[in-house]
């Protein structure tokens, strides 16, 4: 059987369907807070990537906090992921939490991973088959990971970036949240904005379920005056920031960093 390797961080549903029999393909379902039972649907025997409970530091005070290198490697091996696995990750919203998983693999030094453009909705829209989850165990994988600390930043780091003219913080939240016109969805979290940040709602990057064309997204980014700047991506809790980071990667921007705690952390630690 053939093996495959990614050359881009985004693949279409047609690509996935055409390569579904590759021997090293592993499909990950990154839907957040999904209940896995016999009624749950999945693509191509996908394995559930549990961001909240398995691939976050659950002892941290803020949601979806970056796990340790050891935790990530152990849980990835438990999913049967090997050093030569070609990973495609999706979620049930289109492109939402799947981008976070793509970024996590980058942080831990594994690059043979791509997001499924349009996710489960696009797969179903194109008439490709889905099947039910069933109890499964996987042979332990042999993936070994590193740690690219420069791809993530924290509260102290984002404060420095917000005062640096060579960097730009891009907030992926909605315009209403960015402008403090509505309450934050997290109970008790104050409204607000990181100083010197600009707003690019992640939803502005889509047409239907899938990303807009590279030319259209490049035009959106060009309106933010990004040239020769390090880009810091923030959102509510570090999930949709990765969607905008993925779009920026597709548009050939470099020096990209995700603020792990995002507004949940920043708004909690500042007045």
Protein backbone atom coordinates (compact mmCIF):
# COMPACT_ATOMS: atom_id res chain seq x y z
CA UNK A 1 0.00 0.00 0.00
CA UNK A 2 1.15 3.53 -0.71
CA UNK A 3 2.31 5.97 1.94
CA UNK A 4 1.68 9.71 1.79
CA UNK A 5 3.21 12.91 3.11
CA UNK A 6 1.73 16.39 3.41
CA UNK A 7 3.16 19.32 1.48
CA UNK A 8 0.53 21.82 2.63
CA UNK A 9 -1.15 22.33 6.02
CA UNK A 10 -4.63 22.14 4.46
CA UNK A 11 -6.21 19.37 2.38
CA UNK A 12 -9.57 19.11 0.63
CA UNK A 13 -12.20 16.47 1.21
CA UNK A 14 -11.52 15.23 -2.34
CA UNK A 15 -7.84 14.76 -1.47
CA UNK A 16 -8.72 12.82 1.67
CA UNK A 17 -11.16 10.60 -0.17
CA UNK A 18 -8.58 9.89 -2.88
CA UNK A 19 -5.92 8.97 -0.31
CA UNK A 20 -8.11 7.15 2.20
CA UNK A 21 -6.36 3.80 1.62
CA UNK A 22 -2.83 5.06 2.32
CA UNK A 23 -1.17 2.78 4.85
CA UNK A 24 0.16 5.59 7.04
CA UNK A 25 -2.98 7.76 7.07
CA UNK A 26 -4.49 8.57 10.46
CA UNK A 27 -7.63 10.70 10.65
CA UNK A 28 -8.27 12.57 13.89
CA UNK A 29 -11.62 13.94 15.04
CA UNK A 30 -10.85 17.06 17.08
CA UNK A 31 -14.43 18.07 17.84
CA UNK A 32 -14.49 19.76 21.25
CA UNK A 33 -16.52 18.14 24.05
CA UNK A 34 -17.80 15.42 21.76
CA UNK A 35 -19.64 12.54 23.41
CA UNK A 36 -18.38 9.32 21.89
CA UNK A 37 -21.01 6.58 21.76
CA UNK A 38 -22.49 4.18 19.21
CA UNK A 39 -24.56 7.01 17.69
CA UNK A 40 -21.57 9.29 17.11
CA UNK A 41 -20.55 9.74 13.49
CA UNK A 42 -17.02 9.96 12.12
CA UNK A 43 -14.97 10.11 8.93
CA UNK A 44 -12.94 7.08 7.84
CA UNK A 45 -12.63 5.40 11.23
CA UNK A 46 -11.33 8.60 12.77
CA UNK A 47 -9.71 8.50 16.19
CA UNK A 48 -11.00 10.96 18.76
CA UNK A 49 -8.44 13.60 19.71
CA UNK A 50 -9.69 14.85 23.06
CA UNK A 51 -8.36 18.39 23.30
CA UNK A 52 -9.98 19.19 26.63
CA UNK A 53 -9.16 16.08 28.66
CA UNK A 54 -6.18 14.38 27.00
CA UNK A 55 -4.29 17.12 25.18
CA UNK A 56 -4.55 20.02 27.63
CA UNK A 57 -3.03 20.63 31.03
CA UNK A 58 -6.21 20.02 33.03
CA UNK A 59 -4.53 21.25 36.22
CA UNK A 60 -4.03 24.72 34.74
CA UNK A 61 -6.38 27.56 35.74
CA UNK A 62 -7.35 28.36 32.15
CA UNK A 63 -9.00 26.15 29.50
CA UNK A 64 -7.13 24.30 26.73
CA UNK A 65 -3.72 25.09 28.22
CA UNK A 66 -0.73 23.63 26.38
CA UNK A 67 0.14 20.16 27.73
CA UNK A 68 3.65 19.09 28.59
CA UNK A 69 5.83 17.42 25.98
CA UNK A 70 5.58 14.17 27.92
CA UNK A 71 1.78 14.29 28.12
CA UNK A 72 1.41 15.07 24.44
CA UNK A 73 3.75 12.27 23.37
CA UNK A 74 2.08 9.71 25.63
CA UNK A 75 -1.44 10.56 24.48
CA UNK A 76 -0.39 10.66 20.82
CA UNK A 77 1.21 7.23 21.18
CA UNK A 78 -1.99 5.98 22.83
CA UNK A 79 -3.83 6.98 19.64
CA UNK A 80 -1.47 4.79 17.65
CA UNK A 81 0.38 7.66 16.00
CA UNK A 82 3.77 6.72 14.60
CA UNK A 83 6.79 8.69 13.46
CA UNK A 84 5.74 8.21 9.82
CA UNK A 85 1.99 8.81 10.26
CA UNK A 86 0.32 11.20 7.83
CA UNK A 87 -2.33 12.93 9.92
CA UNK A 88 -5.51 14.66 8.77
CA UNK A 89 -7.51 16.41 11.48
CA UNK A 90 -11.08 17.68 11.29
CA UNK A 91 -13.93 18.88 13.51
CA UNK A 92 -17.70 19.07 13.22
CA UNK A 93 -17.91 22.85 12.73
CA UNK A 94 -15.86 23.15 9.54
CA UNK A 95 -12.48 24.51 10.63
CA UNK A 96 -12.49 25.35 14.31
CA UNK A 97 -10.73 23.18 16.89
CA UNK A 98 -8.95 21.18 14.16
CA UNK A 99 -6.59 24.12 13.61
CA UNK A 100 -5.61 23.98 17.30
CA UNK A 101 -4.57 20.36 16.85
CA UNK A 102 -2.52 21.23 13.76
CA UNK A 103 -0.76 23.95 15.77
CA UNK A 104 -0.15 21.62 18.72
CA UNK A 105 1.64 19.15 16.46
CA UNK A 106 3.77 22.00 15.11
CA UNK A 107 4.63 23.09 18.66
CA UNK A 108 5.75 19.56 19.43
CA UNK A 109 7.84 19.31 16.28
CA UNK A 110 5.67 17.08 14.09
CA UNK A 111 4.82 18.50 10.68
CA UNK A 112 3.22 15.67 8.69
CA UNK A 113 -0.24 16.90 9.66
CA UNK A 114 -2.92 18.89 7.85
CA UNK A 115 -6.37 20.26 8.54
CA UNK A 116 -9.34 19.04 6.51
CA UNK A 117 -10.78 22.11 4.80
CA UNK A 118 -14.45 22.31 5.72
CA UNK A 119 -14.27 19.40 8.14
CA UNK A 120 -17.19 17.06 8.68
CA UNK A 121 -19.80 19.45 7.16
CA UNK A 122 -17.88 19.65 3.87
CA UNK A 123 -17.27 15.89 3.83
CA UNK A 124 -20.99 15.23 4.23
CA UNK A 125 -21.94 17.97 1.75
CA UNK A 126 -19.84 16.23 -0.91
CA UNK A 127 -21.61 12.93 -0.32
CA UNK A 128 -18.73 10.99 1.18
CA UNK A 129 -19.65 8.26 3.62
CA UNK A 130 -19.48 8.42 7.40
CA UNK A 131 -19.62 5.62 9.93
CA UNK A 132 -20.31 5.11 13.60
CA UNK A 133 -17.80 5.10 16.39
CA UNK A 134 -17.25 1.78 18.13
CA UNK A 135 -14.98 0.77 21.04
CA UNK A 136 -11.45 0.45 19.73
CA UNK A 137 -7.93 0.04 21.00
CA UNK A 138 -4.81 0.98 19.05
CA UNK A 139 -1.36 -0.49 19.00
CA UNK A 140 0.87 1.95 20.83
CA UNK A 141 2.51 4.36 18.42
CA UNK A 142 6.20 5.23 18.30
CA UNK A 143 5.97 8.97 17.68
CA UNK A 144 8.58 11.00 19.56
CA UNK A 145 8.14 14.74 19.84
CA UNK A 146 10.22 17.82 20.50
CA UNK A 147 9.17 21.24 21.70
CA UNK A 148 9.22 24.50 19.71
CA UNK A 149 8.72 26.98 22.53
CA UNK A 150 8.93 29.94 20.16
CA UNK A 151 5.53 29.06 18.63
CA UNK A 152 3.62 29.79 21.85
CA UNK A 153 3.63 32.72 24.23
CA UNK A 154 2.17 33.43 27.67
CA UNK A 155 0.96 36.42 29.70
CA UNK A 156 4.42 37.85 30.27
CA UNK A 157 5.35 37.39 26.64
CA UNK A 158 2.22 38.96 25.20
CA UNK A 159 2.73 42.04 27.40
CA UNK A 160 6.14 42.50 25.83
CA UNK A 161 4.78 41.93 22.34
CA UNK A 162 1.99 44.47 22.82
CA UNK A 163 4.61 47.19 23.38
CA UNK A 164 6.85 46.17 20.48
CA UNK A 165 6.33 48.01 17.18
CA UNK A 166 7.83 45.07 15.28
CA UNK A 167 5.00 42.79 16.37
CA UNK A 168 1.25 42.77 15.90
CA UNK A 169 -1.33 40.99 18.02
CA UNK A 170 -4.28 39.74 15.96
CA UNK A 171 -7.45 38.97 17.90
CA UNK A 172 -9.64 36.30 16.28
CA UNK A 173 -12.76 37.02 18.36
CA UNK A 174 -15.89 38.57 16.87
CA UNK A 175 -16.03 42.33 16.33
CA UNK A 176 -18.67 42.59 19.05
CA UNK A 177 -16.42 40.94 21.61
CA UNK A 178 -13.33 42.83 20.47
CA UNK A 179 -15.17 46.16 20.80
CA UNK A 180 -16.60 45.13 24.19
CA UNK A 181 -20.19 45.39 22.94
CA UNK A 182 -21.23 41.98 24.31
CA UNK A 183 -20.31 39.86 27.31
CA UNK A 184 -17.66 37.18 27.04
CA UNK A 185 -19.13 33.65 26.86
CA UNK A 186 -17.01 32.54 29.83
CA UNK A 187 -18.97 33.37 32.98
CA UNK A 188 -17.30 36.05 35.08
CA UNK A 189 -14.71 37.02 32.48
CA UNK A 190 -14.59 40.76 31.90
CA UNK A 191 -14.90 42.41 28.52
CA UNK A 192 -11.74 43.89 27.04
CA UNK A 193 -8.97 43.94 24.47
CA UNK A 194 -5.22 43.38 24.65
CA UNK A 195 -3.47 46.75 24.16
CA UNK A 196 -2.33 47.53 20.61
CA UNK A 197 -4.09 44.53 19.10
CA UNK A 198 -6.11 44.44 15.89
CA UNK A 199 -9.22 42.45 15.16
CA UNK A 200 -9.59 39.78 12.48
CA UNK A 201 -12.59 37.58 13.28
CA UNK A 202 -11.73 34.05 12.21
CA UNK A 203 -15.16 33.74 10.57
CA UNK A 204 -14.14 36.42 8.03
CA UNK A 205 -11.76 33.89 6.47
CA UNK A 206 -14.45 31.49 5.26
CA UNK A 207 -16.87 31.06 2.41
CA UNK A 208 -19.34 28.43 3.50
CA UNK A 209 -17.50 25.64 5.28
CA UNK A 210 -14.12 26.19 3.65
CA UNK A 211 -11.41 28.82 3.63
CA UNK A 212 -11.59 31.62 1.11
CA UNK A 213 -9.07 31.61 -1.72
CA UNK A 214 -5.46 32.51 -0.94
CA UNK A 215 -5.86 35.75 -2.88
CA UNK A 216 -8.92 36.79 -0.90
CA UNK A 217 -7.31 35.94 2.44
CA UNK A 218 -4.10 37.71 1.45
CA UNK A 219 -6.12 40.84 0.75
CA UNK A 220 -7.71 40.62 4.20
CA UNK A 221 -4.30 40.29 5.85
CA UNK A 222 -2.81 43.12 3.77
CA UNK A 223 -5.33 45.53 5.30
CA UNK A 224 -3.68 44.97 8.69
CA UNK A 225 -0.20 46.20 7.69
CA UNK A 226 1.63 42.99 8.60
CA UNK A 227 4.78 43.25 6.52
CA UNK A 228 8.02 42.42 8.36
CA UNK A 229 6.19 41.94 11.65
CA UNK A 230 6.02 39.04 14.05
CA UNK A 231 2.36 38.05 14.35
CA UNK A 232 0.80 37.04 17.66
CA UNK A 233 -2.61 35.35 17.47
CA UNK A 234 -5.12 35.55 20.30
CA UNK A 235 -8.82 34.70 20.77
CA UNK A 236 -10.93 33.59 23.72
CA UNK A 237 -8.96 30.56 24.90
CA UNK A 238 -6.37 29.75 22.23
CA UNK A 239 -8.57 27.72 19.87
CA UNK A 240 -9.66 30.01 17.02
CA UNK A 241 -6.38 31.94 17.22
CA UNK A 242 -4.94 28.85 15.52
CA UNK A 243 -7.48 29.18 12.68
CA UNK A 244 -6.08 32.61 11.82
CA UNK A 245 -2.52 31.28 12.26
CA UNK A 246 -3.35 28.57 9.73
CA UNK A 247 -4.73 31.12 7.27
CA UNK A 248 -1.61 33.27 7.70
CA UNK A 249 0.55 30.20 7.03
CA UNK A 250 -1.40 29.49 3.84
CA UNK A 251 -0.71 33.10 2.78
CA UNK A 252 3.04 32.59 3.36
CA UNK A 253 3.44 34.74 6.46
CA UNK A 254 6.26 33.76 8.80
CA UNK A 255 7.16 34.42 12.43
CA UNK A 256 3.81 33.32 13.81
CA UNK A 257 3.07 32.82 17.51
CA UNK A 258 -0.12 31.80 19.34
CA UNK A 259 -0.98 33.29 22.74
CA UNK A 260 -1.95 30.14 24.59
CA UNK A 261 -4.08 31.71 27.33
CA UNK A 262 -5.57 34.35 25.03
CA UNK A 263 -8.23 36.70 26.40
CA UNK A 264 -9.36 34.26 29.11
CA UNK A 265 -5.95 34.54 30.73
CA UNK A 266 -5.28 38.19 29.89
CA UNK A 267 -8.69 39.39 31.04
CA UNK A 268 -8.39 37.38 34.26
CA UNK A 269 -4.93 38.69 35.17
CA UNK A 270 -5.56 42.37 34.39
CA UNK A 271 -8.06 44.92 35.65
